């Protein structure tokens, strides 16, 4: 039963999360990296977190495991409560735990864990923003987390832009548009303001951030990928496409919440993939967001597939994730 991910019970999802967390812990212990204290040329959030942890590798790697668990539980809880799949399923817990494992089993695990946490919080709150029940709190929280992503890694600025466009199209009310824009810009200008209080010119902070957004990084994402990781990413993206095909094949019977959530997922995914290809500053963090979006969409594949096919594909996904993490 545990291989039939679409029909996982809560304890089976927890078992999967426990196994992947133990695997992540082992990879972090074996990995000789710095735990992720290295970050982009402009990253106020990571500068602050590195100062708080005093760049102690053990502390940072411990935080990685904690943030990983919180991220998986946050995203899975939101998808279950908002019913964005044809049937209630715990599959998000199992797919997100497996898909995000290779992205955190790296030398930059600390940074990627923060990116995954903020991305999960942003998506989780975004899912609550569709349908008849409008929550200004959820709307603001989604954009606040998305805006913070741009302060972790400048290339992630495309995420709040895409999410704000999706929410504005869905909400279509002036008051809610204002909330979206303010929520997105508040963490960005908040970081600029804090730097200004420390003596850094406001315009200098804006210029440094924008330069990091458009400046080419020293390496390509493909340069940092092993063959196993490349196959894993290709497999996840292929399953994401198949999940979208399943979604569109049943589009007429979907609820308003499901249509809004999937419309936004498709829009944000398209923007992120284009940014990975075209944006000079595209980094591994942007790839982590792309895979996080995939992990929220893959349960559609497992729900709509037969038990045998679903189990086989999940086993392949798990094995590829382990291989990509080594």
Foldseek 3Di string as FASTA:
>chain_A
DLLLQFADDPVSLVVLLVVLLVLLLVLLVPDPALLALDAFPFALVSVVVCVVVVSHSVVSSVVLSVLLQVLLVLQQVLCQVLVLAPDRGSNLSNLSSLLLSQLLSDSNNSLLSLLSNLLSLLLSLLLVCWDDDHDLVSLLRNLLSQLSNCNSAVQSLLQLVLLLVLSCVRPVDPVSNVSSVCSNCVVVVVSLVVVVVVPDDSVNSVVSSVCLFQPADPDAQVVVFDPLQVVLLVLLVVLLVVLVVLCVVCVVPDDRSNVSSVVSLVRSLVSLVVSSVPRRNDDSSSVSSNSSSSSSRNSSVSNPDDSVVSSVSSVVSNVSSSVSSD
